[in-house]
PDB file of N, CA and C in Angstrom:
ATOM      1  N   GLU A   1       1.655  -0.153 -34.375  1.00  0.00           N
ATOM      2  CA  GLU A   1       1.529  -1.198 -33.796  1.00  0.00           C
ATOM      3  C   GLU A   1       1.423  -1.289 -32.277  1.00  0.00           C
ATOM      4  N   VAL A   2       1.822  -0.117 -31.935  1.00  0.00           N
ATOM      5  CA  VAL A   2       1.533  -0.040 -30.233  1.00  0.00           C
ATOM      6  C   VAL A   2       0.276  -0.034 -29.918  1.00  0.00           C
ATOM      7  N   GLN A   3      -0.507   0.697 -31.023  1.00  0.00           N
ATOM      8  CA  GLN A   3      -2.008   1.303 -30.864  1.00  0.00           C
ATOM      9  C   GLN A   3      -2.627   0.170 -30.929  1.00  0.00           C
ATOM     10  N   THR A   4      -2.328  -0.759 -32.025  1.00  0.00           N
ATOM     11  CA  THR A   4      -3.109  -1.646 -32.223  1.00  0.00           C
ATOM     12  C   THR A   4      -3.533  -2.870 -30.812  1.00  0.00           C
ATOM     13  N   TYR A   5      -1.765  -2.972 -30.294  1.00  0.00           N
ATOM     14  CA  TYR A   5      -1.923  -3.518 -29.008  1.00  0.00           C
ATOM     15  C   TYR A   5      -2.619  -3.008 -27.854  1.00  0.00           C
ATOM     16  N   PHE A   6      -2.601  -1.997 -27.881  1.00  0.00           N
ATOM     17  CA  PHE A   6      -3.318  -1.212 -26.668  1.00  0.00           C
ATOM     18  C   PHE A   6      -5.018  -1.492 -26.803  1.00  0.00           C
ATOM     19  N   GLU A   7      -5.199  -1.163 -28.344  1.00  0.00           N
ATOM     20  CA  GLU A   7      -6.829  -2.020 -28.441  1.00  0.00           C
ATOM     21  C   GLU A   7      -7.232  -3.095 -28.417  1.00  0.00           C
ATOM     22  N   THR A   8      -6.339  -4.446 -28.466  1.00  0.00           N
ATOM     23  CA  THR A   8      -6.308  -5.410 -28.182  1.00  0.00           C
ATOM     24  C   THR A   8      -6.512  -5.793 -26.920  1.00  0.00           C
ATOM     25  N   LEU A   9      -5.884  -4.797 -26.092  1.00  0.00           N
ATOM     26  CA  LEU A   9      -5.723  -5.107 -24.512  1.00  0.00           C
ATOM     27  C   LEU A   9      -6.975  -4.383 -23.948  1.00  0.00           C
ATOM     28  N   ASP A  10      -7.687  -3.499 -24.851  1.00  0.00           N
ATOM     29  CA  ASP A  10      -8.844  -2.750 -24.306  1.00  0.00           C
ATOM     30  C   ASP A  10      -8.409  -1.639 -23.504  1.00  0.00           C
ATOM     31  N   VAL A  11      -7.300  -0.665 -23.748  1.00  0.00           N
ATOM     32  CA  VAL A  11      -6.481   0.184 -23.265  1.00  0.00           C
ATOM     33  C   VAL A  11      -6.737   1.223 -24.022  1.00  0.00           C
ATOM     34  N   ASP A  12      -7.178   2.661 -23.613  1.00  0.00           N
ATOM     35  CA  ASP A  12      -6.861   3.523 -24.396  1.00  0.00           C
ATOM     36  C   ASP A  12      -5.819   4.280 -24.695  1.00  0.00           C
ATOM     37  N   PRO A  13      -5.135   4.319 -25.369  1.00  0.00           N
ATOM     38  CA  PRO A  13      -3.526   5.004 -25.853  1.00  0.00           C
ATOM     39  C   PRO A  13      -3.490   6.314 -25.330  1.00  0.00           C
ATOM     40  N   HIS A  14      -4.498   7.050 -25.093  1.00  0.00           N
ATOM     41  CA  HIS A  14      -4.242   8.216 -24.583  1.00  0.00           C
ATOM     42  C   HIS A  14      -4.112   8.193 -22.726  1.00  0.00           C
ATOM     43  N   GLU A  15      -3.718   6.783 -22.411  1.00  0.00           N
ATOM     44  CA  GLU A  15      -4.107   6.564 -20.894  1.00  0.00           C
ATOM     45  C   GLU A  15      -2.436   6.196 -20.754  1.00  0.00           C
ATOM     46  N   ALA A  16      -1.545   6.374 -21.702  1.00  0.00           N
ATOM     47  CA  ALA A  16      -0.074   5.753 -21.590  1.00  0.00           C
ATOM     48  C   ALA A  16       0.582   6.038 -20.268  1.00  0.00           C
ATOM     49  N   LYS A  17       0.556   7.159 -19.836  1.00  0.00           N
ATOM     50  CA  LYS A  17       0.976   7.607 -18.503  1.00  0.00           C
ATOM     51  C   LYS A  17       0.635   6.739 -17.485  1.00  0.00           C
ATOM     52  N   ALA A  18      -0.651   6.668 -17.343  1.00  0.00           N
ATOM     53  CA  ALA A  18      -1.059   5.652 -16.311  1.00  0.00           C
ATOM     54  C   ALA A  18      -0.752   4.238 -16.559  1.00  0.00           C
ATOM     55  N   LEU A  19      -0.617   3.998 -17.339  1.00  0.00           N
ATOM     56  CA  LEU A  19      -0.475   2.532 -17.915  1.00  0.00           C
ATOM     57  C   LEU A  19       1.446   2.603 -17.389  1.00  0.00           C
ATOM     58  N   PHE A  20       1.919   3.500 -18.131  1.00  0.00           N
ATOM     59  CA  PHE A  20       3.494   3.213 -17.868  1.00  0.00           C
ATOM     60  C   PHE A  20       3.540   3.067 -16.013  1.00  0.00           C
ATOM     61  N   GLN A  21       3.054   4.003 -15.450  1.00  0.00           N
ATOM     62  CA  GLN A  21       3.099   3.990 -13.946  1.00  0.00           C
ATOM     63  C   GLN A  21       2.707   2.563 -13.366  1.00  0.00           C
ATOM     64  N   MET A  22       1.622   2.068 -13.556  1.00  0.00           N
ATOM     65  CA  MET A  22       1.410   0.592 -13.362  1.00  0.00           C
ATOM     66  C   MET A  22       2.329  -0.358 -13.799  1.00  0.00           C
ATOM     67  N   LEU A  23       3.039  -0.218 -15.083  1.00  0.00           N
ATOM     68  CA  LEU A  23       3.674  -1.397 -15.209  1.00  0.00           C
ATOM     69  C   LEU A  23       5.271  -1.153 -14.600  1.00  0.00           C
ATOM     70  N   ASP A  24       5.546   0.305 -14.073  1.00  0.00           N
ATOM     71  CA  ASP A  24       6.898   0.339 -13.437  1.00  0.00           C
ATOM     72  C   ASP A  24       6.612  -0.053 -12.180  1.00  0.00           C
ATOM     73  N   MET A  25       6.755  -1.386 -11.751  1.00  0.00           N
ATOM     74  CA  MET A  25       6.481  -1.607 -10.304  1.00  0.00           C
ATOM     75  C   MET A  25       7.378  -1.253  -9.501  1.00  0.00           C
ATOM     76  N   ASN A  26       8.821  -1.284  -9.834  1.00  0.00           N
ATOM     77  CA  ASN A  26       9.700  -0.797  -8.556  1.00  0.00           C
ATOM     78  C   ASN A  26       9.741   1.186  -8.820  1.00  0.00           C
ATOM     79  N   ASP A  27       9.020   1.505  -9.551  1.00  0.00           N
ATOM     80  CA  ASP A  27       8.927   3.313  -9.523  1.00  0.00           C
ATOM     81  C   ASP A  27      10.507   3.511  -9.934  1.00  0.00           C
ATOM     82  N   SER A  28      11.156   3.211 -11.109  1.00  0.00           N
ATOM     83  CA  SER A  28      12.392   3.140 -11.394  1.00  0.00           C
ATOM     84  C   SER A  28      12.484   3.938 -12.622  1.00  0.00           C
ATOM     85  N   GLY A  29      10.984   4.317 -13.387  1.00  0.00           N
ATOM     86  CA  GLY A  29      11.185   5.282 -14.420  1.00  0.00           C
ATOM     87  C   GLY A  29      11.465   4.753 -15.517  1.00  0.00           C
ATOM     88  N   SER A  30      11.770   3.244 -15.454  1.00  0.00           N
ATOM     89  CA  SER A  30      11.826   2.398 -16.843  1.00  0.00           C
ATOM     90  C   SER A  30      11.196   1.094 -16.510  1.00  0.00           C
ATOM     91  N   ILE A  31      10.986   0.479 -17.512  1.00  0.00           N
ATOM     92  CA  ILE A  31      10.102  -0.386 -17.342  1.00  0.00           C
ATOM     93  C   ILE A  31      11.071  -1.869 -17.881  1.00  0.00           C
ATOM     94  N   ASP A  32      11.354  -2.756 -17.098  1.00  0.00           N
ATOM     95  CA  ASP A  32      12.206  -3.987 -17.679  1.00  0.00           C
ATOM     96  C   ASP A  32      11.222  -5.050 -18.334  1.00  0.00           C
ATOM     97  N   PHE A  33      11.880  -6.073 -18.868  1.00  0.00           N
ATOM     98  CA  PHE A  33      11.227  -6.932 -19.607  1.00  0.00           C
ATOM     99  C   PHE A  33      10.082  -7.471 -18.633  1.00  0.00           C
ATOM    100  N   GLU A  34      10.529  -8.003 -17.423  1.00  0.00           N
ATOM    101  CA  GLU A  34       9.987  -8.921 -16.513  1.00  0.00           C
ATOM    102  C   GLU A  34       8.321  -7.704 -15.764  1.00  0.00           C
ATOM    103  N   GLU A  35       8.967  -6.548 -15.831  1.00  0.00           N
ATOM    104  CA  GLU A  35       7.738  -5.600 -15.529  1.00  0.00           C
ATOM    105  C   GLU A  35       6.592  -5.866 -16.475  1.00  0.00           C
ATOM    106  N   PHE A  36       7.119  -5.523 -17.414  1.00  0.00           N
ATOM    107  CA  PHE A  36       6.321  -5.213 -19.066  1.00  0.00           C
ATOM    108  C   PHE A  36       5.455  -6.662 -18.813  1.00  0.00           C
ATOM    109  N   LEU A  37       5.962  -7.837 -19.046  1.00  0.00           N
ATOM    110  CA  LEU A  37       5.509  -9.071 -19.331  1.00  0.00           C
ATOM    111  C   LEU A  37       4.379  -9.142 -18.058  1.00  0.00           C
ATOM    112  N   SER A  38       4.708  -8.859 -16.966  1.00  0.00           N
ATOM    113  CA  SER A  38       4.041  -9.190 -15.768  1.00  0.00           C
ATOM    114  C   SER A  38       2.620  -8.186 -15.797  1.00  0.00           C
ATOM    115  N   GLY A  39       3.136  -6.966 -15.930  1.00  0.00           N
ATOM    116  CA  GLY A  39       1.883  -5.848 -16.437  1.00  0.00           C
ATOM    117  C   GLY A  39       0.880  -6.465 -17.564  1.00  0.00           C
ATOM    118  N   CYS A  40       1.656  -6.898 -18.848  1.00  0.00           N
ATOM    119  CA  CYS A  40       0.577  -7.044 -19.823  1.00  0.00           C
ATOM    120  C   CYS A  40      -0.060  -8.458 -19.454  1.00  0.00           C
ATOM    121  N   ILE A  41       0.134  -9.366 -18.845  1.00  0.00           N
ATOM    122  CA  ILE A  41      -0.561 -10.404 -18.006  1.00  0.00           C
ATOM    123  C   ILE A  41      -1.841 -10.049 -17.136  1.00  0.00           C
ATOM    124  N   ARG A  42      -1.488  -9.077 -16.238  1.00  0.00           N
ATOM    125  CA  ARG A  42      -2.509  -8.615 -15.484  1.00  0.00           C
ATOM    126  C   ARG A  42      -3.465  -7.978 -16.117  1.00  0.00           C
ATOM    127  N   LEU A  43      -3.212  -7.282 -17.615  1.00  0.00           N
ATOM    128  CA  LEU A  43      -3.756  -6.598 -18.262  1.00  0.00           C
ATOM    129  C   LEU A  43      -5.284  -7.355 -19.008  1.00  0.00           C
ATOM    130  N   GLN A  44      -4.644  -8.644 -19.097  1.00  0.00           N
ATOM    131  CA  GLN A  44      -5.454  -9.285 -20.029  1.00  0.00           C
ATOM    132  C   GLN A  44      -6.708  -9.659 -19.009  1.00  0.00           C
ATOM    133  N   GLY A  45      -8.170  -9.302 -19.600  1.00  0.00           N
ATOM    134  CA  GLY A  45      -9.053  -9.800 -19.243  1.00  0.00           C
ATOM    135  C   GLY A  45      -9.836  -8.977 -18.016  1.00  0.00           C
ATOM    136  N   PRO A  46     -10.831  -9.475 -17.347  1.00  0.00           N
ATOM    137  CA  PRO A  46     -11.356  -8.233 -16.513  1.00  0.00           C
ATOM    138  C   PRO A  46     -10.338  -8.907 -15.205  1.00  0.00           C
ATOM    139  N   ALA A  47     -10.546  -7.871 -14.012  1.00  0.00           N
ATOM    140  CA  ALA A  47     -10.070  -8.465 -12.701  1.00  0.00           C
ATOM    141  C   ALA A  47     -10.656  -9.261 -12.133  1.00  0.00           C
ATOM    142  N   LYS A  48      -9.953 -10.200 -11.400  1.00  0.00           N
ATOM    143  CA  LYS A  48     -10.241 -11.412 -10.852  1.00  0.00           C
ATOM    144  C   LYS A  48     -10.667 -11.206  -9.327  1.00  0.00           C
ATOM    145  N   SER A  49     -11.660 -12.014  -8.983  1.00  0.00           N
ATOM    146  CA  SER A  49     -12.003 -11.701  -7.829  1.00  0.00           C
ATOM    147  C   SER A  49     -10.812 -11.788  -6.708  1.00  0.00           C
ATOM    148  N   MET A  50     -10.140 -12.558  -6.723  1.00  0.00           N
ATOM    149  CA  MET A  50      -9.102 -12.928  -6.308  1.00  0.00           C
ATOM    150  C   MET A  50      -7.865 -11.452  -6.089  1.00  0.00           C
ATOM    151  N   ASP A  51      -7.886 -11.415  -7.481  1.00  0.00           N
ATOM    152  CA  ASP A  51      -6.738  -9.878  -7.665  1.00  0.00           C
ATOM    153  C   ASP A  51      -7.796  -8.683  -6.698  1.00  0.00           C
ATOM    154  N   LEU A  52      -8.980  -8.674  -6.703  1.00  0.00           N
ATOM    155  CA  LEU A  52      -9.832  -7.714  -6.107  1.00  0.00           C
ATOM    156  C   LEU A  52      -9.515  -7.811  -4.493  1.00  0.00           C
ATOM    157  N   LEU A  53      -9.481  -9.350  -4.155  1.00  0.00           N
ATOM    158  CA  LEU A  53      -9.193  -9.460  -2.718  1.00  0.00           C
ATOM    159  C   LEU A  53      -7.873  -8.865  -2.069  1.00  0.00           C
ATOM    160  N   LEU A  54      -7.149  -9.389  -3.172  1.00  0.00           N
ATOM    161  CA  LEU A  54      -5.661  -9.152  -2.415  1.00  0.00           C
ATOM    162  C   LEU A  54      -5.553  -7.457  -2.290  1.00  0.00           C
ATOM    163  N   VAL A  55      -5.939  -7.009  -3.402  1.00  0.00           N
ATOM    164  CA  VAL A  55      -5.832  -5.256  -3.031  1.00  0.00           C
ATOM    165  C   VAL A  55      -6.399  -4.695  -1.843  1.00  0.00           C
ATOM    166  N   ALA A  56      -7.548  -5.494  -1.364  1.00  0.00           N
ATOM    167  CA  ALA A  56      -8.704  -4.699  -0.201  1.00  0.00           C
ATOM    168  C   ALA A  56      -7.962  -5.252   0.749  1.00  0.00           C
ATOM    169  N   ARG A  57      -7.084  -6.630   1.014  1.00  0.00           N
ATOM    170  CA  ARG A  57      -6.376  -6.854   1.795  1.00  0.00           C
ATOM    171  C   ARG A  57      -5.398  -6.335   2.360  1.00  0.00           C
ATOM    172  N   ASP A  58      -4.517  -5.799   1.083  1.00  0.00           N
ATOM    173  CA  ASP A  58      -3.382  -4.851   1.335  1.00  0.00           C
ATOM    174  C   ASP A  58      -3.536  -3.328   1.594  1.00  0.00           C
ATOM    175  N   MET A  59      -4.828  -3.026   1.286  1.00  0.00           N
ATOM    176  CA  MET A  59      -5.085  -1.367   1.639  1.00  0.00           C
ATOM    177  C   MET A  59      -5.711  -1.695   3.436  1.00  0.00           C
ATOM    178  N   ARG A  60      -6.275  -2.708   3.385  1.00  0.00           N
ATOM    179  CA  ARG A  60      -6.535  -2.548   5.198  1.00  0.00           C
ATOM    180  C   ARG A  60      -5.156  -2.887   5.996  1.00  0.00           C
ATOM    181  N   HIS A  61      -4.375  -3.331   5.221  1.00  0.00           N
ATOM    182  CA  HIS A  61      -3.024  -3.474   6.412  1.00  0.00           C
ATOM    183  C   HIS A  61      -2.633  -2.300   6.139  1.00  0.00           C
ATOM    184  N   GLU A  62      -2.330  -1.261   5.151  1.00  0.00           N
ATOM    185  CA  GLU A  62      -1.964  -0.049   5.171  1.00  0.00           C
ATOM    186  C   GLU A  62      -2.777   1.002   6.103  1.00  0.00           C
ATOM    187  N   LEU A  63      -3.761   0.768   5.959  1.00  0.00           N
ATOM    188  CA  LEU A  63      -4.689   2.019   6.761  1.00  0.00           C
ATOM    189  C   LEU A  63      -4.301   1.337   8.175  1.00  0.00           C
ATOM    190  N   LYS A  64      -4.171   0.217   8.609  1.00  0.00           N
ATOM    191  CA  LYS A  64      -4.069   0.048  10.102  1.00  0.00           C
ATOM    192  C   LYS A  64      -2.227   0.509  10.422  1.00  0.00           C
ATOM    193  N   ARG A  65      -1.764   0.079   9.777  1.00  0.00           N
ATOM    194  CA  ARG A  65       0.158   0.530   9.798  1.00  0.00           C
ATOM    195  C   ARG A  65      -0.004   1.880   9.762  1.00  0.00           C
ATOM    196  N   LEU A  66      -0.473   2.799   8.994  1.00  0.00           N
ATOM    197  CA  LEU A  66      -0.506   4.260   9.095  1.00  0.00           C
ATOM    198  C   LEU A  66      -1.304   4.984  10.226  1.00  0.00           C
ATOM    199  N   THR A  67      -2.801   4.341  10.393  1.00  0.00           N
ATOM    200  CA  THR A  67      -3.380   4.952  11.890  1.00  0.00           C
ATOM    201  C   THR A  67      -2.522   4.599  12.800  1.00  0.00           C
ATOM    202  N   SER A  68      -1.825   3.532  13.213  1.00  0.00           N
ATOM    203  CA  SER A  68      -0.918   2.969  14.166  1.00  0.00           C
ATOM    204  C   SER A  68       0.162   4.443  14.091  1.00  0.00           C
ATOM    205  N   ARG A  69       0.930   4.875  13.263  1.00  0.00           N
ATOM    206  CA  ARG A  69       2.015   5.585  13.262  1.00  0.00           C
ATOM    207  C   ARG A  69       1.427   6.895  13.425  1.00  0.00           C
ATOM    208  N   LEU A  70       0.290   7.187  12.744  1.00  0.00           N
ATOM    209  CA  LEU A  70      -0.479   8.756  13.143  1.00  0.00           C
ATOM    210  C   LEU A  70      -0.649   8.636  14.544  1.00  0.00           C
ATOM    211  N   LEU A  71      -1.181   7.726  15.197  1.00  0.00           N
ATOM    212  CA  LEU A  71      -1.719   7.852  16.812  1.00  0.00           C
ATOM    213  C   LEU A  71      -0.216   7.836  17.571  1.00  0.00           C
ATOM    214  N   ARG A  72       0.947   7.494  17.235  1.00  0.00           N
ATOM    215  CA  ARG A  72       2.181   7.553  17.910  1.00  0.00           C
ATOM    216  C   ARG A  72       2.630   8.860  17.709  1.00  0.00           C
ATOM    217  N   LEU A  73       2.516   9.323  16.612  1.00  0.00           N
ATOM    218  CA  LEU A  73       2.947  10.646  16.254  1.00  0.00           C
ATOM    219  C   LEU A  73       2.127  11.907  17.231  1.00  0.00           C
ATOM    220  N   TYR A  74       1.202  11.546  17.398  1.00  0.00           N
ATOM    221  CA  TYR A  74       0.057  12.543  17.902  1.00  0.00           C
ATOM    222  C   TYR A  74       0.617  12.391  19.181  1.00  0.00           C
ATOM    223  N   GLN A  75       0.717  11.500  19.784  1.00  0.00           N
ATOM    224  CA  GLN A  75       0.868  11.173  21.567  1.00  0.00           C
ATOM    225  C   GLN A  75       2.493  11.924  21.404  1.00  0.00           C
ATOM    226  N   VAL A  76       3.406  11.789  20.726  1.00  0.00           N
ATOM    227  CA  VAL A  76       4.830  12.378  20.969  1.00  0.00           C
ATOM    228  C   VAL A  76       4.661  13.511  20.933  1.00  0.00           C
ATOM    229  N   GLN A  77       4.028  14.586  19.684  1.00  0.00           N
ATOM    230  CA  GLN A  77       3.699  15.658  19.706  1.00  0.00           C
ATOM    231  C   GLN A  77       3.062  16.324  21.008  1.00  0.00           C
ATOM    232  N   ASN A  78       2.156  15.815  21.401  1.00  0.00           N
ATOM    233  CA  ASN A  78       1.343  16.038  22.617  1.00  0.00           C
ATOM    234  C   ASN A  78       1.685  15.576  23.911  1.00  0.00           C
ATOM    235  N   ALA A  79       2.868  15.057  23.749  1.00  0.00           N
ATOM    236  CA  ALA A  79       3.062  14.480  25.223  1.00  0.00           C
ATOM    237  C   ALA A  79       2.160  14.008  26.197  1.00  0.00           C
ATOM    238  N   GLY A  80       1.081  13.204  25.645  1.00  0.00           N
ATOM    239  CA  GLY A  80      -0.163  12.647  26.459  1.00  0.00           C
ATOM    240  C   GLY A  80      -0.479  11.504  25.635  1.00  0.00           C
ATOM    241  N   THR A  81      -1.930  11.257  26.159  1.00  0.00           N
ATOM    242  CA  THR A  81      -2.420   9.819  25.445  1.00  0.00           C
ATOM    243  C   THR A  81      -3.690  10.582  25.078  1.00  0.00           C
ATOM    244  N   ILE A  82      -4.046   9.884  24.030  1.00  0.00           N
ATOM    245  CA  ILE A  82      -5.597   9.945  23.352  1.00  0.00           C
ATOM    246  C   ILE A  82      -6.482   9.341  24.319  1.00  0.00           C
ATOM    247  N   PRO A  83      -7.488  10.213  24.637  1.00  0.00           N
ATOM    248  CA  PRO A  83      -8.611   9.363  25.382  1.00  0.00           C
ATOM    249  C   PRO A  83      -9.034   8.318  24.661  1.00  0.00           C
ATOM    250  N   GLY A  84      -9.203   6.969  25.331  1.00  0.00           N
ATOM    251  CA  GLY A  84      -9.872   5.959  25.153  1.00  0.00           C
ATOM    252  C   GLY A  84      -8.848   4.917  24.358  1.00  0.00           C
ATOM    253  N   MET A  85      -7.624   5.610  24.414  1.00  0.00           N
ATOM    254  CA  MET A  85      -6.669   4.760  23.667  1.00  0.00           C
ATOM    255  C   MET A  85      -5.403   4.193  24.748  1.00  0.00           C
ATOM    256  N   PRO A  86      -5.108   2.858  24.555  1.00  0.00           N
ATOM    257  CA  PRO A  86      -4.131   2.343  25.578  1.00  0.00           C
ATOM    258  C   PRO A  86      -2.801   2.936  25.103  1.00  0.00           C
ATOM    259  N   GLN A  87      -2.288   3.580  26.297  1.00  0.00           N
ATOM    260  CA  GLN A  87      -0.800   4.233  26.125  1.00  0.00           C
ATOM    261  C   GLN A  87       0.228   3.113  25.858  1.00  0.00           C
ATOM    262  N   GLU A  88       1.089   3.339  24.954  1.00  0.00           N
ATOM    263  CA  GLU A  88       2.298   2.344  24.722  1.00  0.00           C
ATOM    264  C   GLU A  88       3.377   2.881  25.461  1.00  0.00           C
ATOM    265  N   ARG A  89       4.023   1.934  26.358  1.00  0.00           N
ATOM    266  CA  ARG A  89       4.978   1.961  27.362  1.00  0.00           C
ATOM    267  C   ARG A  89       6.544   1.647  26.472  1.00  0.00           C
ATOM    268  N   PRO A  90       7.243   2.426  26.753  1.00  0.00           N
ATOM    269  CA  PRO A  90       8.665   2.224  26.205  1.00  0.00           C
ATOM    270  C   PRO A  90       9.097   0.962  26.681  1.00  0.00           C
ATOM    271  N   PRO A  91       9.831   0.393  25.684  1.00  0.00           N
ATOM    272  CA  PRO A  91      10.396  -1.046  25.745  1.00  0.00           C
ATOM    273  C   PRO A  91      11.465  -0.970  27.365  1.00  0.00           C
ATOM    274  N   GLY A  92      11.246  -1.720  28.241  1.00  0.00           N
ATOM    275  CA  GLY A  92      11.772  -1.847  29.622  1.00  0.00           C
ATOM    276  C   GLY A  92      11.435  -0.927  30.623  1.00  0.00           C
ATOM    277  N   ALA A  93      10.089  -0.455  30.410  1.00  0.00           N
ATOM    278  CA  ALA A  93       9.436   0.562  31.216  1.00  0.00           C
ATOM    279  C   ALA A  93       8.805  -0.365  32.329  1.00  0.00           C
ATOM    280  N   ALA A  94       9.259  -0.242  33.537  1.00  0.00           N
ATOM    281  CA  ALA A  94       8.227  -1.181  34.507  1.00  0.00           C
ATOM    282  C   ALA A  94       6.857  -0.291  34.721  1.00  0.00           C
ATOM    283  N   ASN A  95       6.017  -1.077  35.058  1.00  0.00           N
ATOM    284  CA  ASN A  95       4.763  -1.126  35.019  1.00  0.00           C
ATOM    285  C   ASN A  95       4.196  -0.547  36.466  1.00  0.00           C
ATOM    286  N   GLU A  96       3.348  -0.295  36.858  1.00  0.00           N
ATOM    287  CA  GLU A  96       3.105  -0.157  38.245  1.00  0.00           C
ATOM    288  C   GLU A  96       2.903  -1.251  39.026  1.00  0.00           C
ATOM    289  N   GLN A  97       2.547  -2.478  38.574  1.00  0.00           N
ATOM    290  CA  GLN A  97       2.584  -3.506  39.456  1.00  0.00           C
ATOM    291  C   GLN A  97       3.902  -4.087  39.626  1.00  0.00           C
ATOM    292  N   ASP A  98       5.009  -3.846  38.599  1.00  0.00           N
ATOM    293  CA  ASP A  98       6.417  -4.003  39.197  1.00  0.00           C
ATOM    294  C   ASP A  98       7.317  -3.171  39.943  1.00  0.00           C
ATOM    295  N   GLU A  99       6.665  -1.660  40.166  1.00  0.00           N
ATOM    296  CA  GLU A  99       7.001  -0.865  41.315  1.00  0.00           C
ATOM    297  C   GLU A  99       6.604  -0.697  42.634  1.00  0.00           C
ATOM    298  N   ALA A 100       5.415  -1.744  42.597  1.00  0.00           N
ATOM    299  CA  ALA A 100       4.779  -1.996  43.713  1.00  0.00           C
ATOM    300  C   ALA A 100       5.606  -3.142  44.969  1.00  0.00           C
ATOM    301  N   VAL A 101       6.282  -3.736  44.259  1.00  0.00           N
ATOM    302  CA  VAL A 101       7.048  -4.842  44.658  1.00  0.00           C
ATOM    303  C   VAL A 101       8.143  -4.774  45.396  1.00  0.00           C
TER     304      VAL A 101
END
């Protein structure tokens, strides 16, 4: 019965692990009814343009976030700045204009 359902969704039954991981949205190791229903709805039909745009947007956001964190880590480990990149000042740090007054 499950194999027939997979065929209806055009999903290869041998990809069950990947399917389970996709359905397990909160990485709990189990799938509740809401996750199952939501995942099955997403599996019906081809991906929509809007779905692909949302994924692309999320990936761009994540790339910017990770790049920023890596730059800060590099600065901390090397106790300096990266050439061509603006240096972040700690909160409350005075800038050169404040010191001149």
